[in-house]
Amino acid sequence: MKINKISLKRLVFLIFFLFIFNAYFFSDIFKHIPVPVLNCYANPTATFACPIGTIQHFLVVNSFSFLTIGMILLVGFFIGRMTCGWACPFGFVQELINKIPLPHIRPPEWLRYGKYLFLLIPVVLLPIFWVDKSGYSVTYFCKICPSGALGAGIPQVLLHPEFKNLLGLQFVAKMSILAFIVIAVIFNNRFFCKYICPLGAMLGAANKVSMIQMKLDIDKCVKCNRCQSVCPTDIKIYEEPDSPECIRCMECVKVCPTKCISVGMKKF
């Protein structure tokens, strides 16, 4: 398959950030700082903190992470969900898995709302309201996060085999969820990003107001759907250029036969 310039550039960025976010030697300096991608804090090589884990942690201790929320708002305002397409390690892994040549399955569109439920319930509500007798809660989304299972669960068990027995059913459940996501991604690219990811839900909400925008010359568009055929999140850009599903990967820009898609700054 021929790799276009945007695909190659994005591949370089994804590999670069995969290294940066897992540069073990710098973890002592930066690991308390969240970045706008899913890369589990418990990963032995992780350089930074996961924003979703950080938000839950502060809610569990009845506090508020101004740094994390501020970072998400700032990134969202400038580039929207672009970090999902150009920097997220777990998104990158999903795209690699999806290269397996099997038929594509398209679930119902309403399932995309699932990520908002995951953001609301296990990330926000459960850590606040579901507490034990001593008044403590836990980071519920972290308990089921497949990114954490891949980046932290497996490496930690390989380094410390005794952890597997200590975690028991929780480890089995988490690995089962990861296996389901891997299988789902084979048939539907970025399945987790589209239907589950709470960080994608937060950043996607900023797509309509972010400074970086996908632009469409509707008069040139012939609705050939080539944009959808290369889109990791399976959207038709001509229906909603500032869709919260768009990860600003720009793959559609290169393949558009009429060159009606572009990237530019939002006019306020």
Protein backbone atom coordinates (compact mmCIF):
# COMPACT_ATOMS: atom_id res chain seq x y z
CA MET A 1 0.00 0.00 0.00
CA LYS A 2 1.36 3.41 -0.97
CA ILE A 3 1.96 5.72 1.98
CA ASN A 4 1.07 9.35 1.28
CA LYS A 5 3.01 12.26 2.78
CA ILE A 6 0.50 12.95 5.53
CA SER A 7 0.40 9.29 6.59
CA LEU A 8 4.20 9.17 6.71
CA LYS A 9 4.43 12.42 8.67
CA ARG A 10 1.78 11.23 11.12
CA LEU A 11 3.58 7.90 11.52
CA VAL A 12 6.78 9.74 12.43
CA PHE A 13 4.92 11.86 14.99
CA LEU A 14 3.19 8.81 16.53
CA ILE A 15 6.49 6.93 16.89
CA PHE A 16 8.19 10.03 18.28
CA PHE A 17 5.51 10.58 20.94
CA LEU A 18 5.43 6.85 21.76
CA PHE A 19 9.08 7.23 22.72
CA ILE A 20 8.66 10.58 24.50
CA PHE A 21 5.73 9.36 26.60
CA ASN A 22 7.66 6.22 27.56
CA ALA A 23 11.18 7.62 28.03
CA TYR A 24 11.79 5.90 31.36
CA PHE A 25 14.88 7.95 32.25
CA PHE A 26 12.84 11.16 32.55
CA SER A 27 9.95 9.74 34.59
CA ASP A 28 11.27 11.05 37.93
CA ILE A 29 11.08 14.59 36.56
CA PHE A 30 7.80 14.62 34.65
CA LYS A 31 5.62 11.77 35.92
CA HIS A 32 3.41 14.07 37.98
CA ILE A 33 2.52 16.08 34.85
CA PRO A 34 -0.51 14.86 32.81
CA VAL A 35 -0.47 14.90 29.00
CA PRO A 36 -3.53 14.74 26.67
CA VAL A 37 -3.18 11.09 25.65
CA LEU A 38 -3.92 7.70 27.20
CA ASN A 39 -0.64 6.33 28.54
CA CYS A 40 -1.00 4.68 31.92
CA TYR A 41 0.88 6.16 34.87
CA ALA A 42 1.52 2.62 36.14
CA ASN A 43 3.44 1.77 32.97
CA PRO A 44 7.00 1.09 34.21
CA THR A 45 8.44 3.27 31.43
CA ALA A 46 5.81 6.06 31.45
CA THR A 47 7.23 9.59 31.48
CA PHE A 48 4.02 11.49 32.24
CA ALA A 49 0.69 10.97 33.98
CA CYS A 50 -2.58 9.91 32.35
CA PRO A 51 -5.19 12.71 32.58
CA ILE A 52 -8.10 10.32 33.10
CA GLY A 53 -6.32 8.57 35.95
CA THR A 54 -5.34 11.93 37.44
CA ILE A 55 -8.90 13.29 37.33
CA GLN A 56 -10.19 10.17 39.10
CA HIS A 57 -7.43 10.29 41.71
CA PHE A 58 -8.30 13.85 42.69
CA LEU A 59 -12.01 13.03 42.84
CA VAL A 60 -11.28 10.05 45.08
CA VAL A 61 -9.48 12.32 47.55
CA ASN A 62 -12.23 14.96 47.30
CA SER A 63 -10.09 17.44 45.44
CA PHE A 64 -9.81 18.98 41.98
CA SER A 65 -6.93 18.83 39.50
CA PHE A 66 -6.63 22.34 38.11
CA LEU A 67 -3.49 21.32 36.19
CA THR A 68 -5.21 18.42 34.41
CA ILE A 69 -8.43 20.24 33.57
CA GLY A 70 -6.48 23.32 32.55
CA MET A 71 -4.28 21.24 30.25
CA ILE A 72 -7.29 19.59 28.60
CA LEU A 73 -9.04 22.95 28.12
CA LEU A 74 -5.89 24.54 26.70
CA VAL A 75 -5.17 21.69 24.28
CA GLY A 76 -8.84 21.53 23.31
CA PHE A 77 -8.97 25.25 22.61
CA PHE A 78 -5.91 25.21 20.36
CA ILE A 79 -6.09 21.88 18.50
CA GLY A 80 -9.21 20.02 19.63
CA ARG A 81 -8.83 16.27 19.37
CA MET A 82 -5.67 16.42 17.28
CA THR A 83 -3.51 14.71 19.91
CA CYS A 84 -5.66 11.59 19.43
CA GLY A 85 -4.56 11.38 15.80
CA TRP A 86 -0.95 12.49 16.12
CA ALA A 87 0.31 11.59 19.60
CA CYS A 88 -1.75 8.97 21.46
CA PRO A 89 0.15 5.67 21.92
CA PHE A 90 -3.00 3.58 22.38
CA GLY A 91 -4.58 5.10 19.29
CA PHE A 92 -1.40 4.25 17.38
CA VAL A 93 -1.53 0.64 18.59
CA GLN A 94 -5.13 0.34 17.41
CA GLU A 95 -4.25 1.58 13.93
CA LEU A 96 -1.43 -0.98 13.71
CA ILE A 97 -3.76 -3.81 14.78
CA ASN A 98 -6.35 -2.71 12.21
CA LYS A 99 -3.82 -3.34 9.42
CA ILE A 100 -4.79 -7.02 9.65
CA PRO A 101 -6.70 -7.51 6.36
CA LEU A 102 -10.16 -8.58 7.52
CA PRO A 103 -13.62 -7.21 6.63
CA HIS A 104 -14.66 -3.91 8.21
CA ILE A 105 -17.71 -3.96 10.47
CA ARG A 106 -19.55 -0.70 11.16
CA PRO A 107 -21.52 -0.69 14.46
CA PRO A 108 -24.62 1.52 14.90
CA GLU A 109 -23.85 5.24 15.10
CA TRP A 110 -25.54 5.61 18.49
CA LEU A 111 -22.77 3.56 20.09
CA ARG A 112 -20.49 6.59 19.72
CA TYR A 113 -22.31 8.13 22.68
CA GLY A 114 -20.82 5.38 24.82
CA LYS A 115 -17.64 7.36 25.46
CA TYR A 116 -19.68 10.12 27.11
CA LEU A 117 -21.25 7.57 29.44
CA PHE A 118 -17.81 6.20 30.32
CA LEU A 119 -16.67 9.75 31.06
CA LEU A 120 -19.70 10.50 33.21
CA ILE A 121 -20.09 7.25 35.15
CA PRO A 122 -16.76 5.48 35.92
CA VAL A 123 -14.55 8.57 35.55
CA VAL A 124 -16.65 11.18 37.41
CA LEU A 125 -19.67 9.83 39.29
CA LEU A 126 -18.41 6.53 40.73
CA PRO A 127 -15.23 7.96 42.32
CA ILE A 128 -17.38 10.64 43.98
CA PHE A 129 -20.38 8.63 45.16
CA TRP A 130 -19.40 4.93 45.33
CA VAL A 131 -17.31 4.75 48.48
CA ASP A 132 -16.60 1.98 50.97
CA LYS A 133 -17.45 1.94 54.68
CA SER A 134 -14.33 3.91 55.51
CA GLY A 135 -15.36 6.65 53.10
CA TYR A 136 -12.83 5.89 50.37
CA SER A 137 -13.38 5.26 46.69
CA VAL A 138 -11.16 4.03 43.83
CA THR A 139 -10.29 4.99 40.26
CA TYR A 140 -12.98 2.87 38.62
CA PHE A 141 -12.16 3.53 34.97
CA CYS A 142 -8.54 2.53 35.59
CA LYS A 143 -9.83 -0.85 36.74
CA ILE A 144 -11.22 -1.57 33.26
CA CYS A 145 -8.96 0.54 31.01
CA PRO A 146 -7.48 -1.58 28.18
CA SER A 147 -4.73 0.98 27.62
CA GLY A 148 -3.64 0.45 31.21
CA ALA A 149 -3.87 -3.32 30.78
CA LEU A 150 -1.57 -3.20 27.75
CA GLY A 151 0.87 -0.54 28.91
CA ALA A 152 0.99 -1.30 32.61
CA GLY A 153 -0.76 -4.56 33.51
CA ILE A 154 1.19 -6.87 31.21
CA PRO A 155 4.63 -5.28 31.81
CA GLN A 156 4.12 -5.22 35.59
CA VAL A 157 3.16 -8.90 35.68
CA LEU A 158 6.17 -9.78 33.52
CA LEU A 159 8.44 -7.86 35.90
CA HIS A 160 6.66 -9.06 39.05
CA PRO A 161 4.88 -12.43 38.41
CA GLU A 162 3.49 -12.42 41.95
CA PHE A 163 1.22 -9.50 40.99
CA LYS A 164 -0.91 -11.85 38.89
CA ASN A 165 -1.95 -13.84 41.96
CA LEU A 166 -2.42 -10.73 44.07
CA LEU A 167 -4.74 -9.15 41.52
CA GLY A 168 -6.67 -12.38 40.90
CA LEU A 169 -9.97 -11.91 39.09
CA GLN A 170 -9.26 -8.24 38.49
CA PHE A 171 -6.28 -9.16 36.32
CA VAL A 172 -8.31 -11.76 34.43
CA ALA A 173 -11.15 -9.27 33.87
CA LYS A 174 -8.80 -6.55 32.66
CA MET A 175 -7.02 -8.89 30.25
CA SER A 176 -10.41 -10.08 28.96
CA ILE A 177 -11.44 -6.48 28.25
CA LEU A 178 -8.14 -5.88 26.46
CA ALA A 179 -8.65 -9.03 24.37
CA PHE A 180 -12.15 -7.86 23.41
CA ILE A 181 -10.83 -4.44 22.35
CA VAL A 182 -8.04 -6.01 20.28
CA ILE A 183 -10.53 -8.24 18.45
CA ALA A 184 -12.95 -5.33 17.96
CA VAL A 185 -10.18 -3.11 16.56
CA ILE A 186 -9.30 -5.72 13.94
CA PHE A 187 -12.75 -5.26 12.44
CA ASN A 188 -13.31 -1.59 13.31
CA ASN A 189 -10.39 0.84 13.40
CA ARG A 190 -9.93 2.80 16.64
CA PHE A 191 -12.91 1.04 18.23
CA PHE A 192 -11.88 2.22 21.69
CA CYS A 193 -11.46 5.83 20.53
CA LYS A 194 -14.88 5.95 18.91
CA TYR A 195 -17.01 4.19 21.50
CA ILE A 196 -15.23 4.19 24.89
CA CYS A 197 -12.43 6.73 25.35
CA PRO A 198 -13.43 9.39 27.93
CA LEU A 199 -10.46 11.59 27.00
CA GLY A 200 -11.63 11.57 23.38
CA ALA A 201 -15.05 12.65 24.61
CA MET A 202 -13.54 15.62 26.43
CA LEU A 203 -11.21 16.77 23.66
CA GLY A 204 -13.79 16.10 20.94
CA ALA A 205 -16.20 18.48 22.63
CA ALA A 206 -13.70 21.26 21.88
CA ASN A 207 -13.48 20.53 18.14
CA LYS A 208 -16.15 23.10 17.29
CA VAL A 209 -14.35 25.94 19.05
CA SER A 210 -10.68 25.01 18.62
CA MET A 211 -8.34 27.30 16.72
CA ILE A 212 -7.29 24.51 14.32
CA GLN A 213 -10.23 23.55 12.11
CA MET A 214 -10.96 21.20 9.24
CA LYS A 215 -12.39 23.28 6.40
CA LEU A 216 -14.59 22.17 3.51
CA ASP A 217 -15.43 23.83 0.20
CA ILE A 218 -18.88 22.33 -0.14
CA ASP A 219 -19.23 23.54 -3.74
CA LYS A 220 -16.32 21.32 -4.78
CA CYS A 221 -17.37 18.27 -2.76
CA VAL A 222 -18.80 15.40 -4.86
CA LYS A 223 -19.53 13.20 -1.82
CA CYS A 224 -17.48 10.32 -3.17
CA ASN A 225 -16.82 9.12 0.42
CA ARG A 226 -13.10 8.65 -0.15
CA CYS A 227 -12.66 10.74 3.01
CA GLN A 228 -14.60 8.15 5.00
CA SER A 229 -12.67 5.26 3.44
CA VAL A 230 -9.37 6.49 4.94
CA CYS A 231 -10.76 8.02 8.15
CA PRO A 232 -9.62 6.18 11.31
CA THR A 233 -12.85 7.23 13.04
CA ASP A 234 -15.03 6.46 10.02
CA ILE A 235 -16.71 9.84 9.47
CA LYS A 236 -17.87 11.72 6.40
CA ILE A 237 -16.09 15.03 6.76
CA TYR A 238 -18.54 16.79 4.44
CA GLU A 239 -21.41 16.15 6.88
CA GLU A 240 -19.73 17.89 9.82
CA PRO A 241 -16.18 19.26 9.34
CA ASP A 242 -15.88 20.11 13.04
CA SER A 243 -17.30 16.78 14.22
CA PRO A 244 -16.30 15.74 17.76
CA GLU A 245 -15.33 12.40 16.23
CA CYS A 246 -12.61 13.96 14.05
CA ILE A 247 -9.06 13.37 15.31
CA ARG A 248 -7.57 15.82 12.77
CA CYS A 249 -5.35 13.13 11.25
CA MET A 250 -5.73 14.88 7.86
CA GLU A 251 -5.79 11.63 5.90
CA CYS A 252 -8.89 12.91 4.10
CA VAL A 253 -7.02 16.01 2.88
CA LYS A 254 -4.62 13.93 0.82
CA VAL A 255 -7.13 11.58 -0.80
CA CYS A 256 -9.83 14.11 -1.70
CA PRO A 257 -10.04 14.08 -5.54
CA THR A 258 -11.41 17.63 -5.76
CA LYS A 259 -9.10 19.08 -3.06
CA CYS A 260 -12.09 20.52 -1.21
CA ILE A 261 -10.78 19.65 2.27
CA SER A 262 -8.16 21.75 4.01
CA VAL A 263 -6.89 22.67 7.46
CA GLY A 264 -6.88 26.23 8.74
CA MET A 265 -7.40 28.60 11.64
CA LYS A 266 -10.83 29.33 13.04
CA LYS A 267 -12.19 32.81 12.39
CA PHE A 268 -13.59 34.39 15.54
